Protein backbone atom coordinates (compact mmCIF):
# COMPACT_ATOMS: atom_id res chain seq x y z
CA MET A 1 271.67 54.65 9.97
CA ASN A 2 274.78 53.51 8.10
CA ILE A 3 277.61 55.43 6.47
CA LEU A 4 279.31 53.65 3.55
CA VAL A 5 282.82 54.86 2.73
CA ALA A 6 284.84 54.14 -0.42
CA ASP A 7 287.44 55.85 -2.59
CA PHE A 8 284.95 56.35 -5.44
CA ILE A 9 281.19 56.68 -5.86
CA TYR A 10 279.66 56.20 -9.31
CA THR A 11 277.08 58.70 -10.53
CA ASN A 12 275.66 59.40 -13.98
CA GLU A 13 277.76 62.57 -14.02
CA GLY A 14 280.99 60.71 -13.27
CA TYR A 15 282.90 59.26 -10.35
CA LEU A 16 282.96 61.18 -7.07
CA GLN A 17 286.03 61.07 -4.84
CA GLY A 18 286.27 61.73 -1.11
CA LYS A 19 282.55 61.25 -0.46
CA ALA A 20 280.42 58.80 1.52
CA VAL A 21 276.79 57.64 1.54
CA ALA A 22 274.44 57.70 4.52
CA PHE A 23 271.57 55.23 4.26
CA ASP A 24 269.00 53.09 5.98
CA GLU A 25 266.48 51.41 3.66
CA THR A 26 266.93 54.34 1.30
CA ILE A 27 269.76 56.76 0.59
CA GLN A 28 269.60 59.71 2.99
CA LYS A 29 272.58 61.86 2.05
CA ILE A 30 275.80 61.91 -0.01
CA ASP A 31 278.55 64.14 1.35
CA ASP A 32 282.01 64.27 2.93
CA PHE A 33 282.50 61.58 5.56
CA ASP A 34 283.16 64.09 8.34
CA ILE A 35 279.95 65.97 7.57
CA LEU A 36 277.92 62.75 7.58
CA LYS A 37 279.56 61.59 10.80
CA ASN A 38 278.62 64.84 12.53
CA LEU A 39 275.11 64.69 11.10
CA TYR A 40 274.59 61.04 12.13
CA PRO A 41 276.83 60.51 15.19
CA ASN A 42 275.34 57.11 16.02
CA ALA A 43 275.58 55.71 12.50
CA LYS A 44 277.40 52.46 11.79
CA ILE A 45 280.54 53.13 9.73
CA ILE A 46 281.10 50.66 6.88
CA ASN A 47 284.58 50.84 5.40
CA THR A 48 285.66 49.24 2.15
CA PRO A 49 289.10 48.12 0.91
CA LYS A 50 291.39 50.61 -0.81
CA ASN A 51 290.45 51.37 -4.44
CA SER A 52 286.83 50.37 -3.95
CA VAL A 53 283.96 51.80 -5.99
CA ILE A 54 280.34 52.13 -4.86
CA TYR A 55 277.92 51.48 -7.72
CA PRO A 56 274.13 51.39 -7.66
CA GLY A 57 273.00 47.78 -7.54
CA PHE A 58 273.21 46.26 -11.01
CA ILE A 59 270.09 45.31 -12.98
CA ASN A 60 269.86 42.31 -15.33
CA SER A 61 266.77 43.25 -17.33
CA HIS A 62 266.19 39.92 -19.10
CA VAL A 63 266.82 36.39 -17.80
CA HIS A 64 265.07 33.01 -18.17
CA LEU A 65 265.55 31.18 -14.86
CA GLU A 66 263.56 28.15 -16.00
CA PHE A 67 266.46 27.08 -18.24
CA SER A 68 268.99 27.14 -15.42
CA ASN A 69 269.93 23.47 -15.61
CA ASN A 70 271.15 23.53 -19.22
CA LYS A 71 274.83 22.78 -19.77
CA THR A 72 275.30 20.70 -22.93
CA SER A 73 271.75 19.77 -24.00
CA LEU A 74 271.16 22.41 -26.65
CA GLU A 75 272.72 23.08 -30.06
CA TYR A 76 274.59 26.37 -30.55
CA GLY A 77 275.83 28.11 -33.68
CA SER A 78 272.60 28.95 -35.49
CA PHE A 79 269.16 29.99 -34.27
CA VAL A 80 266.79 27.46 -35.85
CA PRO A 81 268.88 24.36 -34.96
CA TRP A 82 269.04 25.76 -31.41
CA LEU A 83 265.26 26.29 -31.36
CA LYS A 84 264.67 22.74 -32.61
CA SER A 85 266.89 21.45 -29.81
CA VAL A 86 264.85 23.46 -27.28
CA ILE A 87 261.61 21.94 -28.62
CA LYS A 88 263.09 18.45 -28.48
CA ASN A 89 264.41 18.97 -24.94
CA THR A 90 261.30 20.29 -23.21
CA ASP A 91 261.91 17.76 -20.45
CA MET A 92 265.08 19.69 -19.60
CA ILE A 93 262.94 22.67 -18.63
CA GLN A 94 260.59 20.48 -16.61
CA LYS A 95 263.58 19.02 -14.74
CA CYS A 96 264.95 22.42 -13.79
CA THR A 97 264.71 22.41 -10.00
CA THR A 98 264.20 25.10 -7.43
CA ASN A 99 267.83 24.63 -6.38
CA ASP A 100 268.99 25.13 -9.99
CA MET A 101 267.17 28.45 -10.13
CA LYS A 102 268.37 29.50 -6.67
CA ARG A 103 271.96 28.91 -7.75
CA ALA A 104 271.32 31.09 -10.80
CA CYS A 105 270.04 33.91 -8.57
CA GLU A 106 273.07 33.51 -6.30
CA GLU A 107 275.42 33.75 -9.28
CA MET A 108 273.76 37.02 -10.31
CA LEU A 109 273.94 38.27 -6.72
CA LYS A 110 277.68 37.61 -6.46
CA SER A 111 278.28 39.56 -9.67
CA GLY A 112 276.41 42.56 -8.28
CA VAL A 113 272.87 42.09 -9.61
CA THR A 114 270.35 43.45 -7.10
CA SER A 115 267.36 43.49 -9.49
CA PHE A 116 266.38 41.43 -12.52
CA GLY A 117 263.62 40.93 -15.05
CA ALA A 118 262.52 37.28 -15.01
CA ILE A 119 260.82 35.91 -18.12
CA SER A 120 258.53 33.17 -16.85
CA SER A 121 257.20 30.70 -19.42
CA ASN A 122 255.26 28.42 -17.10
CA GLY A 123 255.46 29.85 -13.57
CA ASN A 124 257.92 27.30 -12.23
CA ASP A 125 260.24 30.12 -11.18
CA LEU A 126 257.60 32.04 -9.19
CA GLN A 127 258.59 30.66 -5.77
CA VAL A 128 262.28 31.36 -6.34
CA CYS A 129 261.56 34.88 -7.58
CA THR A 130 259.47 35.69 -4.51
CA GLU A 131 262.12 34.32 -2.12
CA THR A 132 265.33 35.65 -3.67
CA PRO A 133 266.87 38.73 -2.02
CA GLN A 134 266.82 40.65 -5.31
CA ARG A 135 264.08 42.89 -6.63
CA VAL A 136 262.21 41.07 -9.41
CA VAL A 137 260.08 42.25 -12.29
CA PHE A 138 258.22 39.05 -13.10
CA PHE A 139 257.29 38.91 -16.79
CA ASN A 140 254.56 36.29 -17.30
CA GLU A 141 255.16 35.12 -20.86
CA ILE A 142 252.38 34.38 -23.33
CA LEU A 143 252.73 32.39 -26.55
CA GLY A 144 250.71 30.09 -28.77
CA SER A 145 250.64 30.06 -32.55
CA LYS A 146 247.30 28.36 -33.27
CA GLU A 147 244.06 30.33 -33.20
CA GLU A 148 242.00 27.30 -32.12
CA ASN A 149 244.11 26.99 -28.96
CA SER A 150 244.15 30.69 -28.11
CA GLU A 151 241.37 30.59 -25.51
CA VAL A 152 243.04 27.80 -23.55
CA SER A 153 246.46 29.48 -23.84
CA TYR A 154 245.06 32.77 -22.57
CA ASP A 155 243.24 31.16 -19.65
CA LEU A 156 246.46 29.45 -18.51
CA PHE A 157 248.33 32.72 -18.91
CA ILE A 158 245.76 34.62 -16.81
CA LYS A 159 246.06 32.06 -14.01
CA ARG A 160 249.82 32.62 -13.92
CA VAL A 161 249.34 36.40 -13.89
CA GLU A 162 246.87 36.12 -11.02
CA ASN A 163 249.23 33.87 -9.07
CA SER A 164 252.08 36.33 -9.45
CA LEU A 165 249.88 39.30 -8.48
CA GLN A 166 249.41 37.72 -5.06
CA HIS A 167 253.09 38.33 -4.41
CA ASN A 168 253.34 41.96 -5.52
CA SER A 169 255.40 43.95 -3.04
CA GLN A 170 258.14 46.54 -2.81
CA LYS A 171 260.54 43.88 -4.17
CA PHE A 172 258.30 41.99 -6.61
CA LYS A 173 256.36 43.40 -9.55
CA THR A 174 254.06 41.55 -11.97
CA ALA A 175 254.59 42.22 -15.68
CA ILE A 176 253.82 40.67 -19.09
CA SER A 177 256.02 39.31 -21.86
CA ILE A 178 254.78 38.49 -25.36
CA HIS A 179 257.15 35.85 -26.64
CA SER A 180 257.71 36.79 -30.29
CA PRO A 181 256.03 37.51 -33.65
CA TYR A 182 256.65 33.96 -34.84
CA SER A 183 255.16 32.23 -31.78
CA THR A 184 252.26 34.36 -30.51
CA HIS A 185 248.93 34.62 -32.34
CA PRO A 186 247.54 38.16 -32.86
CA ILE A 187 244.51 37.29 -30.72
CA LEU A 188 246.79 36.58 -27.76
CA ILE A 189 248.95 39.63 -28.45
CA ARG A 190 245.96 41.98 -28.41
CA LYS A 191 244.49 40.45 -25.26
CA ALA A 192 247.83 40.62 -23.44
CA ILE A 193 248.48 44.24 -24.47
CA SER A 194 244.93 45.21 -23.48
CA LEU A 195 245.50 43.65 -20.05
CA ALA A 196 248.86 45.42 -19.70
CA LYS A 197 247.23 48.78 -20.45
CA LYS A 198 244.36 48.15 -18.06
CA LYS A 199 246.58 46.99 -15.18
CA LYS A 200 249.56 49.23 -16.06
CA PHE A 201 251.87 46.25 -16.40
CA LEU A 202 255.29 46.60 -17.99
CA LEU A 203 255.62 44.89 -21.37
CA SER A 204 258.46 42.91 -22.92
CA ALA A 205 258.77 41.00 -26.22
CA HIS A 206 261.43 39.19 -28.24
CA LEU A 207 261.81 40.69 -31.71
CA LEU A 208 264.07 40.21 -34.75
CA GLU A 209 266.52 38.04 -32.89
CA SER A 210 267.73 36.08 -35.93
CA LYS A 211 267.99 36.35 -39.69
CA ALA A 212 265.75 33.27 -39.94
CA GLU A 213 263.00 35.04 -37.96
CA LYS A 214 263.36 38.15 -40.11
CA GLU A 215 263.04 36.12 -43.34
CA TRP A 216 259.98 34.30 -42.00
CA ILE A 217 257.98 37.33 -40.81
CA GLU A 218 258.95 39.44 -43.83
CA GLU A 219 258.80 36.88 -46.65
CA GLY A 220 257.16 33.73 -45.24
CA ASN A 221 260.02 31.41 -46.13
CA GLY A 222 263.43 30.16 -45.01
CA GLU A 223 264.38 27.93 -42.10
CA PHE A 224 261.32 28.90 -40.07
CA TYR A 225 259.05 27.62 -42.84
CA ASN A 226 260.56 24.15 -42.49
CA LEU A 227 260.49 24.33 -38.69
CA TYR A 228 256.85 25.36 -38.39
CA ASN A 229 255.69 22.99 -41.09
CA GLU A 230 257.52 20.08 -39.41
CA PHE A 231 256.46 20.69 -35.81
CA PHE A 232 253.14 22.56 -36.05
CA GLY A 233 251.78 22.15 -39.58
CA ILE A 234 251.91 25.94 -40.11
CA THR A 235 252.96 27.16 -43.55
CA LYS A 236 252.69 30.95 -43.25
CA PRO A 237 253.63 33.43 -40.53
CA ILE A 238 250.92 34.41 -38.04
CA ASN A 239 252.32 37.97 -37.87
CA THR A 240 254.25 40.13 -40.27
CA LYS A 241 257.07 42.26 -38.95
CA GLN A 242 255.12 45.47 -39.42
CA SER A 243 251.84 44.17 -38.03
CA PHE A 244 253.61 42.91 -34.91
CA MET A 245 255.45 46.17 -34.27
CA GLN A 246 252.25 48.17 -34.81
CA GLU A 247 250.50 46.26 -32.02
CA PHE A 248 252.80 48.08 -29.55
CA ASN A 249 252.47 51.57 -31.04
CA ASP A 250 250.99 53.22 -27.95
CA THR A 251 252.52 50.90 -25.32
CA PRO A 252 256.23 51.45 -24.56
CA THR A 253 257.83 48.00 -24.59
CA HIS A 254 261.20 46.54 -23.69
CA PHE A 255 262.09 44.62 -26.84
CA ILE A 256 264.71 41.91 -26.61
CA HIS A 257 267.59 41.46 -29.07
CA LEU A 258 266.75 43.37 -32.33
CA SER A 259 270.03 41.92 -33.61
CA SER A 260 268.53 41.47 -37.10
CA ALA A 261 266.64 44.76 -37.18
CA THR A 262 267.26 47.21 -40.01
CA LEU A 263 267.98 50.90 -39.49
CA GLU A 264 264.38 51.55 -40.55
CA ASP A 265 263.08 49.09 -37.95
CA ILE A 266 265.17 50.76 -35.25
CA ALA A 267 263.98 54.23 -36.26
CA TYR A 268 260.36 53.10 -36.14
CA LEU A 269 260.73 51.58 -32.66
CA GLU A 270 262.62 54.65 -31.44
CA SER A 271 259.74 56.85 -32.60
CA LYS A 272 257.32 54.85 -30.42
CA ASN A 273 259.36 55.28 -27.21
CA HIS A 274 260.44 51.65 -26.95
CA SER A 275 263.67 50.28 -25.46
CA VAL A 276 265.84 47.23 -26.11
CA ALA A 277 267.76 44.62 -24.13
CA HIS A 278 271.14 43.78 -25.64
CA CYS A 279 272.25 40.17 -25.00
CA PRO A 280 275.65 39.91 -26.74
CA ARG A 281 276.71 36.43 -25.64
CA SER A 282 273.34 34.88 -26.44
CA ASN A 283 273.34 36.54 -29.86
CA ARG A 284 276.83 35.23 -30.59
CA LEU A 285 276.12 31.67 -29.49
CA LEU A 286 272.94 31.49 -31.57
CA GLY A 287 274.50 33.09 -34.66
CA CYS A 288 272.24 36.13 -34.52
CA GLY A 289 274.69 38.93 -35.25
CA ILE A 290 275.44 42.07 -33.25
CA LEU A 291 273.13 44.92 -32.30
CA ASP A 292 275.12 48.15 -32.79
CA VAL A 293 274.14 49.71 -29.48
CA CYS A 294 276.45 52.71 -29.86
CA LYS A 295 274.32 53.98 -32.76
CA LEU A 296 270.99 53.60 -30.97
CA ASN A 297 268.84 56.59 -30.01
CA MET A 298 266.58 54.46 -27.82
CA PRO A 299 267.35 53.35 -24.24
CA TRP A 300 269.22 50.04 -24.10
CA SER A 301 270.10 47.67 -21.31
CA THR A 302 272.65 44.86 -21.21
CA ALA A 303 271.26 41.49 -20.11
CA THR A 304 272.45 37.91 -19.88
CA ASP A 305 269.38 36.16 -21.31
CA GLY A 306 269.04 32.65 -19.86
CA LEU A 307 271.34 29.66 -19.49
CA SER A 308 269.67 28.14 -22.54
CA SER A 309 271.86 30.49 -24.59
CA ASN A 310 274.69 31.41 -22.23
CA TRP A 311 277.25 29.78 -19.96
CA SER A 312 276.84 32.10 -16.96
CA LEU A 313 274.57 34.76 -15.49
CA ASN A 314 277.54 36.80 -14.28
CA ILE A 315 276.83 40.34 -15.48
CA PHE A 316 280.55 41.16 -15.70
CA ASP A 317 281.02 38.27 -18.14
CA GLU A 318 278.33 39.93 -20.27
CA LEU A 319 279.96 43.35 -20.11
CA ARG A 320 283.35 41.95 -21.10
CA ALA A 321 281.80 40.12 -24.04
CA SER A 322 280.19 43.34 -25.19
CA LEU A 323 283.52 45.18 -25.00
CA MET A 324 285.06 42.56 -27.27
CA LEU A 325 282.16 42.27 -29.73
CA HIS A 326 281.85 46.01 -30.36
CA ALA A 327 285.43 46.17 -31.53
CA THR A 328 285.23 49.40 -33.55
CA ASP A 329 283.63 51.58 -30.88
CA ASP A 330 285.60 53.83 -28.55
CA LEU A 331 286.60 51.62 -25.65
CA HIS A 332 286.14 54.07 -22.79
CA ASN A 333 282.85 55.52 -24.05
CA LEU A 334 281.52 51.99 -24.51
CA ALA A 335 282.59 51.00 -20.99
CA ASP A 336 280.77 54.02 -19.53
CA SER A 337 277.65 53.21 -21.60
CA LEU A 338 277.76 49.59 -20.46
CA ILE A 339 277.77 50.61 -16.80
CA LYS A 340 274.72 52.82 -17.46
CA SER A 341 273.10 49.88 -19.28
CA ILE A 342 273.01 47.86 -16.03
CA THR A 343 272.17 50.73 -13.67
CA SER A 344 270.23 53.91 -14.47
CA VAL A 345 268.89 52.89 -17.89
CA PRO A 346 267.19 49.58 -16.91
CA ALA A 347 265.98 51.17 -13.67
CA LYS A 348 264.03 53.68 -15.73
CA ILE A 349 262.86 51.02 -18.21
CA LEU A 350 261.63 48.72 -15.44
CA ASP A 351 260.30 51.60 -13.32
CA LEU A 352 262.47 50.77 -10.30
CA ASN A 353 263.40 53.23 -7.57
CA CYS A 354 267.07 52.36 -7.79
CA GLY A 355 269.86 52.30 -10.40
CA VAL A 356 271.35 55.63 -9.31
CA ILE A 357 272.97 56.82 -6.11
CA GLU A 358 270.64 59.65 -5.19
CA VAL A 359 268.75 60.70 -2.08
CA GLU A 360 265.46 58.79 -1.60
CA LYS A 361 266.46 55.97 -3.95
CA PHE A 362 266.60 52.47 -2.47
CA ALA A 363 269.90 51.70 -0.78
CA ASP A 364 270.88 49.08 -3.35
CA PHE A 365 274.67 49.09 -3.70
CA THR A 366 277.28 47.02 -5.49
CA ILE A 367 280.83 47.57 -4.25
CA ILE A 368 283.76 46.39 -6.35
CA THR A 369 287.47 46.69 -5.57
CA LEU A 370 289.99 47.53 -8.27
CA PRO A 371 293.34 45.67 -8.16
CA ASP A 372 295.31 48.96 -8.17
CA SER A 373 294.70 52.69 -7.98
CA PRO A 374 293.44 54.01 -11.34
CA ASN A 375 295.67 56.55 -13.07
CA ALA A 376 292.60 58.42 -14.33
CA VAL A 377 289.10 58.54 -12.90
CA GLU A 378 287.74 58.47 -16.45
CA GLU A 379 289.05 54.91 -16.86
CA ILE A 380 287.36 53.37 -13.81
CA SER A 381 284.42 51.93 -15.78
CA LEU A 382 286.81 50.05 -18.05
CA TRP A 383 288.97 48.73 -15.21
CA ALA A 384 285.90 47.66 -13.24
CA ILE A 385 284.57 45.66 -16.21
CA LEU A 386 287.90 44.07 -17.05
CA HIS A 387 289.00 43.10 -13.54
CA THR A 388 285.82 42.15 -11.65
CA LYS A 389 284.53 38.61 -11.35
CA GLN A 390 282.73 38.93 -8.02
CA VAL A 391 281.74 41.96 -5.97
CA ASN A 392 283.24 42.91 -2.63
CA GLN A 393 279.98 43.87 -0.92
CA LEU A 394 276.32 44.07 -1.96
CA TYR A 395 273.31 45.74 -0.31
CA ILE A 396 269.60 45.61 -1.14
CA GLY A 397 267.30 47.95 0.72
CA GLY A 398 270.10 48.70 3.15
CA ASN A 399 270.69 45.05 4.04
CA ARG A 400 273.96 43.35 3.19
CA TYR A 401 273.84 40.07 1.18
CA VAL A 402 277.46 39.73 0.01
């Protein structure tokens, strides 16, 4: 048994003061230190520096590890030029090494991420995701725009799913990701959703990331017309916006981006019990606009996306970017919502037994230390986001990793 002591403990109801947490692999009790010490006289006492805050371990709900060696290979500023540069630099993905991906996991770990959702395009990240200390929801991604290739694409996808299922454990969970409406044929979408329902896999999908995508799946023209005609000989979209969204009507899905979604689109997705991952830095770098998360009525997480459209996987970098991008929203309310978007909200979305400091939840903790004593407890979320680059301590399942 361990007793973790800090000046503040974060809960969904606010910040507790003068309390401590008793834990082994899971959280056993939250109470005054003296009460816990009497209850567990042989427990190991873990002290933290002055002005420290105990958070649940952070969750990065959407990351592409297979792009972890990109630095200056891809074109930023607009979505379609970026996508063309990805297509032209497929060798960059193939050259992404195990060490590249391990470093990416370590960067997340040092910024407090104890769980993440990995979007796996080809399975090259499977070994890293099974060996990393973090909890991983492993989204096997399916895509393929040509009907004549759908059988081969699905067979390869199934092999990757089966490979990942061999590693399912308390810290690793197999899931499915459908890439997007512009890249995945309806035959593949329906097969993948049917499999997800049968096996009770979590689902994820990119949707309405850019204005170019929106124009293509709504009107069949624009930059995507030129792209698909040039690279694939396709002259009309394989899905419409509405037909794609309707495929998920009875399967709650974690959609990614929605930065070009209309209010009507958002309302429709909200009515079907979906959620969304907000990736502010990726959206900015690819010219995709801003998802107004403060007006959403659906659950939303904050995620880094991959290093193909970001310069770091540090979750605090992402939170700071979101604070700056959502410039008209109340600063303190936004800061509190952002902390929830990397703790309790993604834990519920990804069906993880963590994300909150409660009895019987996994003992996954992120401890940060503020530079000074906060004048008001209500401002701790903001100070934590502004002043933290790396965490002070980090625990997963009761074991310390930072």
